[in-house]
């Protein structure tokens, strides 16, 4: 069975549609969220190299170096 999920079904940490991961500064990690066929929120998380940056809070991938 193939999934009908598309790349543009990805959600940010805040549940808004996005095309890039959310960066969680205090971990540090990058995460993408999506809903399974039953509507449950799922998280795909990857730890990032480098020290935690709690001052970032949670930002889009493209904003982490600003």
Protein backbone atom coordinates (compact mmCIF):
# COMPACT_ATOMS: atom_id res chain seq x y z
CA UNK A 1 0.00 0.00 0.00
CA UNK A 2 1.39 3.40 -0.96
CA UNK A 3 1.04 6.45 1.23
CA UNK A 4 -0.98 9.32 -0.16
CA UNK A 5 1.05 11.76 1.96
CA UNK A 6 2.84 14.45 -0.02
CA UNK A 7 5.88 16.53 0.89
CA UNK A 8 3.67 19.61 1.20
CA UNK A 9 1.73 17.89 4.02
CA UNK A 10 4.65 18.62 6.37
CA UNK A 11 3.91 20.74 9.44
CA UNK A 12 6.06 22.99 11.60
CA UNK A 13 6.47 22.59 15.38
CA UNK A 14 3.48 24.93 15.64
CA UNK A 15 1.27 22.81 13.35
CA UNK A 16 1.43 25.16 10.35
CA UNK A 17 2.15 23.91 6.81
CA UNK A 18 5.86 24.22 5.94
CA UNK A 19 8.46 23.05 3.46
CA UNK A 20 11.37 23.04 5.92
CA UNK A 21 12.15 21.55 9.33
CA UNK A 22 11.68 23.37 12.60
CA UNK A 23 14.90 23.81 14.58
CA UNK A 24 14.59 23.30 18.33
CA UNK A 25 17.48 25.30 19.68
CA UNK A 26 17.79 23.89 23.20
CA UNK A 27 18.25 20.28 22.03
CA UNK A 28 19.55 21.07 19.27
CA UNK A 29 17.40 19.18 16.77
CA UNK A 30 15.55 19.56 13.48
CA UNK A 31 12.02 18.20 13.27
CA UNK A 32 9.24 17.75 10.73
CA UNK A 33 5.71 16.89 11.79
CA UNK A 34 2.90 15.25 9.85
CA UNK A 35 -0.37 13.46 10.44
CA UNK A 36 -0.85 9.73 9.92
CA UNK A 37 -3.95 8.44 8.10
CA UNK A 38 -5.86 8.41 11.40
CA UNK A 39 -5.00 12.07 12.10
CA UNK A 40 -2.38 11.47 14.82
CA UNK A 41 0.52 13.91 14.85
CA UNK A 42 3.89 12.24 14.19
CA UNK A 43 7.34 13.74 14.62
CA UNK A 44 10.49 12.92 12.65
CA UNK A 45 13.42 14.35 14.64
CA UNK A 46 17.14 14.45 13.92
CA UNK A 47 19.70 15.63 16.44
CA UNK A 48 22.01 18.36 15.14
CA UNK A 49 25.73 18.68 15.76
CA UNK A 50 26.96 21.55 17.87
CA UNK A 51 26.08 22.97 21.24
CA UNK A 52 22.51 23.76 22.33
CA UNK A 53 21.34 27.29 21.49
CA UNK A 54 18.36 27.88 23.80
CA UNK A 55 18.27 31.56 22.83
CA UNK A 56 16.96 30.46 19.40
CA UNK A 57 13.81 28.95 20.81
CA UNK A 58 12.05 27.20 17.92
CA UNK A 59 12.63 28.60 14.42
CA UNK A 60 12.39 27.53 10.80
CA UNK A 61 15.52 25.90 9.35
CA UNK A 62 16.19 28.97 7.18
CA UNK A 63 16.17 31.26 10.25
CA UNK A 64 18.62 29.40 12.46
CA UNK A 65 21.70 31.29 11.25
CA UNK A 66 20.27 34.80 11.54
